[in-house]
């Protein structure tokens, strides 16, 4: 699986949310300033080549559906993030957040206990 660009991920978030969507509807759901219809179509072709979406033709337009679940992509990204920045250790990541006061120690301890229970 490949990591998505920011624009590809923005489009995929909408596809994941709606499960089946036409380009026109997808463009309508994007924030302003909205990209051109053809630009979104180009990104969807790229996402199709990467194996993220499938398409079904209806007349002159296509309906797009996700091929990769959002949860699978999230796991892929998180594993890479943890590996790259925290030596592959969830505990190191959480320790970082505790040390920077992004989460409290109690939350860290609860999460660590949950991890131990899954071993």
N, C-alpha and C. Protein backbone atom coordinates (compact mmCIF):
# COMPACT_ATOMS: atom_id res chain seq x y z
N UNK A 1 0.85 -1.17 0.00
CA UNK A 1 0.00 0.00 0.00
C UNK A 1 0.89 1.23 0.00
N UNK A 2 0.48 2.26 -0.72
CA UNK A 2 1.23 3.50 -0.79
C UNK A 2 0.56 4.57 0.08
N UNK A 3 1.38 5.50 0.57
CA UNK A 3 0.84 6.63 1.32
C UNK A 3 0.19 7.60 0.34
N UNK A 4 -0.92 8.16 0.73
CA UNK A 4 -1.63 9.11 -0.12
C UNK A 4 -1.08 10.51 0.05
N UNK A 5 -1.18 11.32 -1.02
CA UNK A 5 -0.85 12.73 -0.90
C UNK A 5 -1.97 13.41 -0.12
N UNK A 6 -1.75 14.64 0.28
CA UNK A 6 -2.75 15.38 1.03
C UNK A 6 -4.05 15.50 0.22
N UNK A 7 -3.95 15.82 -1.06
CA UNK A 7 -5.14 15.96 -1.91
C UNK A 7 -5.85 14.62 -2.10
N UNK A 8 -5.08 13.56 -2.31
CA UNK A 8 -5.67 12.23 -2.47
C UNK A 8 -6.40 11.81 -1.20
N UNK A 9 -5.79 12.08 -0.05
CA UNK A 9 -6.41 11.72 1.22
C UNK A 9 -7.69 12.51 1.45
N UNK A 10 -7.70 13.78 1.07
CA UNK A 10 -8.89 14.60 1.21
C UNK A 10 -10.05 14.00 0.39
N UNK A 11 -9.75 13.56 -0.81
CA UNK A 11 -10.77 12.93 -1.65
C UNK A 11 -11.19 11.59 -1.07
N UNK A 12 -10.23 10.80 -0.60
CA UNK A 12 -10.56 9.49 -0.04
C UNK A 12 -11.43 9.61 1.20
N UNK A 13 -11.21 10.63 2.02
CA UNK A 13 -12.04 10.81 3.21
C UNK A 13 -13.52 10.95 2.83
N UNK A 14 -13.77 11.63 1.75
CA UNK A 14 -15.15 11.80 1.28
C UNK A 14 -15.68 10.49 0.71
N UNK A 15 -14.85 9.79 -0.06
CA UNK A 15 -15.26 8.50 -0.62
C UNK A 15 -15.55 7.52 0.51
N UNK A 16 -14.69 7.46 1.51
CA UNK A 16 -14.91 6.57 2.65
C UNK A 16 -16.22 6.91 3.37
N UNK A 17 -16.47 8.18 3.55
CA UNK A 17 -17.65 8.61 4.28
C UNK A 17 -18.94 8.23 3.54
N UNK A 18 -18.93 8.34 2.22
CA UNK A 18 -20.15 8.12 1.44
C UNK A 18 -20.24 6.74 0.80
N UNK A 19 -19.13 6.01 0.79
CA UNK A 19 -19.03 4.64 0.25
C UNK A 19 -19.23 4.55 -1.26
N UNK A 20 -20.20 5.25 -1.81
CA UNK A 20 -20.39 5.32 -3.26
C UNK A 20 -20.68 6.77 -3.59
N UNK A 21 -19.94 7.32 -4.55
CA UNK A 21 -20.12 8.74 -4.84
C UNK A 21 -19.73 9.04 -6.29
N UNK A 22 -20.47 9.96 -6.89
CA UNK A 22 -20.17 10.45 -8.23
C UNK A 22 -19.25 11.66 -8.11
N UNK A 23 -18.48 11.92 -9.17
CA UNK A 23 -17.51 13.02 -9.14
C UNK A 23 -18.20 14.35 -8.80
N UNK A 24 -19.33 14.63 -9.42
CA UNK A 24 -20.04 15.89 -9.17
C UNK A 24 -20.36 16.04 -7.69
N UNK A 25 -20.86 14.99 -7.07
CA UNK A 25 -21.19 15.04 -5.64
C UNK A 25 -19.94 15.20 -4.78
N UNK A 26 -18.86 14.57 -5.20
CA UNK A 26 -17.60 14.68 -4.48
C UNK A 26 -17.10 16.12 -4.53
N UNK A 27 -17.13 16.72 -5.71
CA UNK A 27 -16.69 18.11 -5.86
C UNK A 27 -17.51 19.01 -4.94
N UNK A 28 -18.82 18.78 -4.89
CA UNK A 28 -19.70 19.59 -4.04
C UNK A 28 -19.32 19.49 -2.57
N UNK A 29 -18.76 18.38 -2.15
CA UNK A 29 -18.42 18.17 -0.74
C UNK A 29 -17.03 18.68 -0.37
N UNK A 30 -16.23 19.05 -1.36
CA UNK A 30 -14.90 19.59 -1.10
C UNK A 30 -15.00 21.05 -0.64
N UNK A 31 -14.06 21.49 0.19
CA UNK A 31 -14.10 22.89 0.67
C UNK A 31 -13.77 23.88 -0.46
N UNK A 32 -14.17 25.11 -0.23
CA UNK A 32 -13.84 26.19 -1.18
C UNK A 32 -12.40 26.60 -0.99
N UNK A 33 -11.71 27.02 -2.01
CA UNK A 33 -12.16 27.05 -3.40
C UNK A 33 -12.18 25.63 -3.99
N UNK A 34 -13.27 25.28 -4.61
CA UNK A 34 -13.45 23.93 -5.14
C UNK A 34 -12.57 23.71 -6.37
N UNK A 35 -11.93 22.55 -6.44
CA UNK A 35 -11.15 22.25 -7.64
C UNK A 35 -12.09 21.97 -8.82
N UNK A 36 -11.54 22.02 -10.00
CA UNK A 36 -12.32 21.73 -11.21
C UNK A 36 -12.72 20.25 -11.22
N UNK A 37 -13.83 19.99 -11.84
CA UNK A 37 -14.35 18.63 -12.02
C UNK A 37 -13.26 17.73 -12.61
N UNK A 38 -12.58 18.22 -13.65
CA UNK A 38 -11.53 17.42 -14.31
C UNK A 38 -10.36 17.13 -13.39
N UNK A 39 -10.05 18.07 -12.51
CA UNK A 39 -8.96 17.85 -11.54
C UNK A 39 -9.31 16.72 -10.59
N UNK A 40 -10.53 16.74 -10.09
CA UNK A 40 -10.99 15.67 -9.19
C UNK A 40 -11.00 14.34 -9.94
N UNK A 41 -11.44 14.37 -11.20
CA UNK A 41 -11.43 13.16 -12.03
C UNK A 41 -10.03 12.60 -12.19
N UNK A 42 -9.05 13.47 -12.35
CA UNK A 42 -7.66 13.03 -12.49
C UNK A 42 -7.18 12.37 -11.19
N UNK A 43 -7.51 12.97 -10.06
CA UNK A 43 -7.13 12.37 -8.77
C UNK A 43 -7.80 11.01 -8.58
N UNK A 44 -9.04 10.90 -8.99
CA UNK A 44 -9.73 9.61 -8.85
C UNK A 44 -9.10 8.54 -9.75
N UNK A 45 -8.64 8.93 -10.93
CA UNK A 45 -7.94 7.98 -11.80
C UNK A 45 -6.65 7.51 -11.14
N UNK A 46 -5.95 8.43 -10.51
CA UNK A 46 -4.72 8.08 -9.79
C UNK A 46 -5.05 7.12 -8.64
N UNK A 47 -6.10 7.44 -7.89
CA UNK A 47 -6.51 6.58 -6.78
C UNK A 47 -6.95 5.21 -7.26
N UNK A 48 -7.53 5.16 -8.43
CA UNK A 48 -7.91 3.87 -9.02
C UNK A 48 -6.66 3.06 -9.38
N UNK A 49 -5.68 3.71 -9.98
CA UNK A 49 -4.43 3.03 -10.33
C UNK A 49 -3.69 2.54 -9.08
N UNK A 50 -3.78 3.29 -7.99
CA UNK A 50 -3.14 2.90 -6.73
C UNK A 50 -3.93 1.81 -6.00
N UNK A 51 -5.12 1.49 -6.49
CA UNK A 51 -5.92 0.43 -5.88
C UNK A 51 -6.79 0.88 -4.72
N UNK A 52 -7.03 2.18 -4.59
CA UNK A 52 -7.84 2.69 -3.49
C UNK A 52 -9.32 2.76 -3.81
N UNK A 53 -9.66 2.95 -5.09
CA UNK A 53 -11.07 3.05 -5.48
C UNK A 53 -11.35 2.20 -6.71
N UNK A 54 -12.62 1.86 -6.84
CA UNK A 54 -13.09 1.23 -8.08
C UNK A 54 -14.14 2.16 -8.66
N UNK A 55 -14.44 1.97 -9.93
CA UNK A 55 -15.44 2.82 -10.55
C UNK A 55 -16.42 1.99 -11.37
N UNK A 56 -17.62 2.51 -11.45
CA UNK A 56 -18.68 1.88 -12.23
C UNK A 56 -19.28 2.96 -13.12
N UNK A 57 -19.38 2.66 -14.41
CA UNK A 57 -19.84 3.66 -15.37
C UNK A 57 -21.36 3.71 -15.42
N UNK A 58 -21.89 4.93 -15.40
CA UNK A 58 -23.31 5.21 -15.58
C UNK A 58 -23.41 6.31 -16.63
N UNK A 59 -23.72 5.95 -17.86
CA UNK A 59 -23.78 6.94 -18.93
C UNK A 59 -22.42 7.57 -19.16
N UNK A 60 -22.36 8.89 -18.96
CA UNK A 60 -21.10 9.62 -19.18
C UNK A 60 -20.34 9.91 -17.89
N UNK A 61 -20.75 9.30 -16.79
CA UNK A 61 -20.09 9.57 -15.52
C UNK A 61 -19.79 8.26 -14.80
N UNK A 62 -18.99 8.38 -13.75
CA UNK A 62 -18.59 7.21 -12.98
C UNK A 62 -18.98 7.37 -11.52
N UNK A 63 -19.31 6.25 -10.92
CA UNK A 63 -19.54 6.19 -9.48
C UNK A 63 -18.32 5.51 -8.87
N UNK A 64 -17.77 6.11 -7.82
CA UNK A 64 -16.55 5.59 -7.20
C UNK A 64 -16.87 5.00 -5.82
N UNK A 65 -16.19 3.91 -5.52
CA UNK A 65 -16.32 3.22 -4.24
C UNK A 65 -14.93 2.88 -3.71
N UNK A 66 -14.77 2.86 -2.39
CA UNK A 66 -13.45 2.52 -1.83
C UNK A 66 -13.16 1.03 -1.96
N UNK A 67 -11.92 0.71 -2.26
CA UNK A 67 -11.45 -0.68 -2.27
C UNK A 67 -10.67 -1.00 -1.00
N UNK A 68 -10.13 0.03 -0.39
CA UNK A 68 -9.36 -0.13 0.85
C UNK A 68 -10.14 0.56 1.96
N UNK A 69 -10.34 -0.16 3.04
CA UNK A 69 -11.07 0.40 4.18
C UNK A 69 -10.25 1.50 4.85
N UNK A 70 -10.96 2.49 5.36
CA UNK A 70 -10.29 3.59 6.05
C UNK A 70 -9.48 3.06 7.23
N UNK A 71 -10.01 2.09 7.95
CA UNK A 71 -9.31 1.54 9.12
C UNK A 71 -7.99 0.87 8.71
N UNK A 72 -7.98 0.20 7.56
CA UNK A 72 -6.73 -0.43 7.09
C UNK A 72 -5.70 0.63 6.72
N UNK A 73 -6.16 1.68 6.05
CA UNK A 73 -5.23 2.75 5.68
C UNK A 73 -4.70 3.46 6.94
N UNK A 74 -5.59 3.70 7.90
CA UNK A 74 -5.18 4.34 9.15
C UNK A 74 -4.13 3.50 9.86
N UNK A 75 -4.33 2.20 9.94
CA UNK A 75 -3.34 1.31 10.57
C UNK A 75 -2.01 1.37 9.85
N UNK A 76 -2.05 1.36 8.52
CA UNK A 76 -0.83 1.45 7.71
C UNK A 76 -0.07 2.74 8.02
N UNK A 77 -0.79 3.86 8.05
CA UNK A 77 -0.16 5.16 8.31
C UNK A 77 0.38 5.22 9.73
N UNK A 78 -0.39 4.76 10.70
CA UNK A 78 0.04 4.83 12.09
C UNK A 78 1.26 3.95 12.35
N UNK A 79 1.28 2.75 11.75
CA UNK A 79 2.46 1.88 11.93
C UNK A 79 3.70 2.56 11.37
N UNK A 80 3.57 3.20 10.21
CA UNK A 80 4.70 3.90 9.63
C UNK A 80 5.14 5.08 10.48
N UNK A 81 4.18 5.81 10.99
CA UNK A 81 4.46 6.97 11.85
C UNK A 81 5.18 6.54 13.12
N UNK A 82 4.67 5.52 13.76
CA UNK A 82 5.27 5.04 15.01
C UNK A 82 6.67 4.48 14.75
N UNK A 83 6.82 3.78 13.64
CA UNK A 83 8.12 3.23 13.28
C UNK A 83 9.13 4.34 12.99
N UNK A 84 8.68 5.35 12.24
CA UNK A 84 9.58 6.44 11.82
C UNK A 84 9.98 7.35 12.97
N UNK A 85 9.05 7.67 13.85
CA UNK A 85 9.32 8.67 14.88
C UNK A 85 9.51 8.12 16.29
N UNK A 86 9.07 6.88 16.54
CA UNK A 86 9.10 6.37 17.90
C UNK A 86 9.68 4.96 17.99
N UNK A 87 10.59 4.64 17.09
CA UNK A 87 11.31 3.36 17.11
C UNK A 87 10.36 2.16 17.13
N UNK A 88 9.17 2.33 16.55
CA UNK A 88 8.21 1.24 16.48
C UNK A 88 7.50 0.95 17.78
N UNK A 89 7.62 1.84 18.75
CA UNK A 89 7.07 1.60 20.09
C UNK A 89 5.90 2.54 20.38
N UNK A 90 4.72 1.96 20.59
CA UNK A 90 3.56 2.75 21.00
C UNK A 90 3.82 3.39 22.36
N UNK A 91 4.49 2.65 23.24
CA UNK A 91 4.80 3.19 24.55
C UNK A 91 5.69 4.43 24.44
N UNK A 92 6.67 4.42 23.54
CA UNK A 92 7.51 5.61 23.34
C UNK A 92 6.68 6.78 22.84
N UNK A 93 5.74 6.47 21.95
CA UNK A 93 4.88 7.53 21.42
C UNK A 93 4.04 8.15 22.54
N UNK A 94 3.41 7.29 23.33
CA UNK A 94 2.58 7.79 24.43
C UNK A 94 3.42 8.53 25.46
N UNK A 95 4.61 8.02 25.73
CA UNK A 95 5.51 8.70 26.67
C UNK A 95 5.84 10.10 26.17
N UNK A 96 6.05 10.22 24.88
CA UNK A 96 6.30 11.54 24.27
C UNK A 96 5.13 12.49 24.56
N UNK A 97 3.90 11.99 24.36
CA UNK A 97 2.73 12.83 24.58
C UNK A 97 2.55 13.18 26.05
N UNK A 98 2.88 12.24 26.94
CA UNK A 98 2.80 12.53 28.37
C UNK A 98 3.83 13.59 28.74
N UNK A 99 5.05 13.42 28.27
CA UNK A 99 6.12 14.37 28.58
C UNK A 99 5.82 15.77 28.06
N UNK A 100 5.09 15.86 26.94
CA UNK A 100 4.73 17.16 26.37
C UNK A 100 3.37 17.64 26.86
N UNK A 101 2.82 16.89 27.83
CA UNK A 101 1.53 17.22 28.43
C UNK A 101 0.38 17.24 27.43
N UNK A 102 0.49 16.42 26.38
CA UNK A 102 -0.59 16.28 25.41
C UNK A 102 -1.64 15.28 25.90
N UNK A 103 -1.21 14.34 26.76
CA UNK A 103 -2.15 13.44 27.46
C UNK A 103 -1.68 13.33 28.91
N UNK A 104 -2.60 13.00 29.79
CA UNK A 104 -2.22 12.89 31.20
C UNK A 104 -1.69 11.49 31.49
N UNK A 105 -1.00 11.38 32.60
CA UNK A 105 -0.36 10.12 32.99
C UNK A 105 -1.39 9.01 33.18
N UNK A 106 -2.56 9.33 33.72
CA UNK A 106 -3.60 8.33 33.94
C UNK A 106 -4.03 7.70 32.60
N UNK A 107 -4.22 8.51 31.59
CA UNK A 107 -4.60 8.00 30.27
C UNK A 107 -3.51 7.09 29.71
N UNK A 108 -2.26 7.51 29.88
CA UNK A 108 -1.13 6.71 29.44
C UNK A 108 -1.13 5.35 30.13
N UNK A 109 -1.31 5.34 31.44
CA UNK A 109 -1.30 4.09 32.20
C UNK A 109 -2.45 3.18 31.77
N UNK A 110 -3.63 3.76 31.56
CA UNK A 110 -4.78 2.96 31.12
C UNK A 110 -4.51 2.33 29.75
N UNK A 111 -3.93 3.10 28.86
CA UNK A 111 -3.64 2.58 27.53
C UNK A 111 -2.57 1.50 27.59
N UNK A 112 -1.56 1.70 28.41
CA UNK A 112 -0.50 0.70 28.57
C UNK A 112 -1.09 -0.62 29.10
N UNK A 113 -2.01 -0.52 30.05
CA UNK A 113 -2.67 -1.72 30.59
C UNK A 113 -3.47 -2.44 29.50
N UNK A 114 -4.13 -1.68 28.66
CA UNK A 114 -4.90 -2.29 27.55
C UNK A 114 -3.97 -3.03 26.60
N UNK A 115 -2.79 -2.42 26.34
CA UNK A 115 -1.81 -3.06 25.45
C UNK A 115 -1.30 -4.36 26.07
N UNK A 116 -1.04 -4.35 27.35
CA UNK A 116 -0.55 -5.55 28.02
C UNK A 116 -1.59 -6.66 27.97
N UNK A 117 -2.86 -6.30 28.05
CA UNK A 117 -3.94 -7.28 28.00
C UNK A 117 -4.09 -7.93 26.63
N UNK A 118 -3.57 -7.30 25.59
CA UNK A 118 -3.68 -7.84 24.22
C UNK A 118 -2.50 -8.72 23.85
N UNK A 119 -1.52 -8.81 24.70
CA UNK A 119 -0.34 -9.63 24.39
C UNK A 119 -0.62 -11.11 24.54
